[in-house]
Structures are given as structure tokens and as C-alpha cells.
Amino acid sequence: MNHRFDYGEALQRTLGWITPEEQARLRRAQVAIADVQLAAARSG
């Protein structure tokens, strides 16, 4: 069983929300995701 990740197939549902050019730009970008739960726990 060989399950290779196909970027185009995985993200084809986003077409219409973001353009193929935007998808290409996001694919090359570095993204950081903050932990919202930790921030909420510290402030409350």
C-alpha cells in the first residue's frame, strides 16, 4: 500500500476560495500557528 501525498489533489477543494497562485504562494510560505489555549489559560 503506497499512499503518497498529492498536494494538488489534497487542496483542490479550496479552489474558488483562494486562487491557484495564492495556493502556490502559501505552499512556499513558512507559517507559525500560535497556541490559543495556552494564551487563554494564562490570561484568565
Foldseek 3Di string as FASTA:
>chain_A
DDDDDDVCVVCVVCDVVDHPVVVVVVVPDDDDDDDPVVVVVVVD
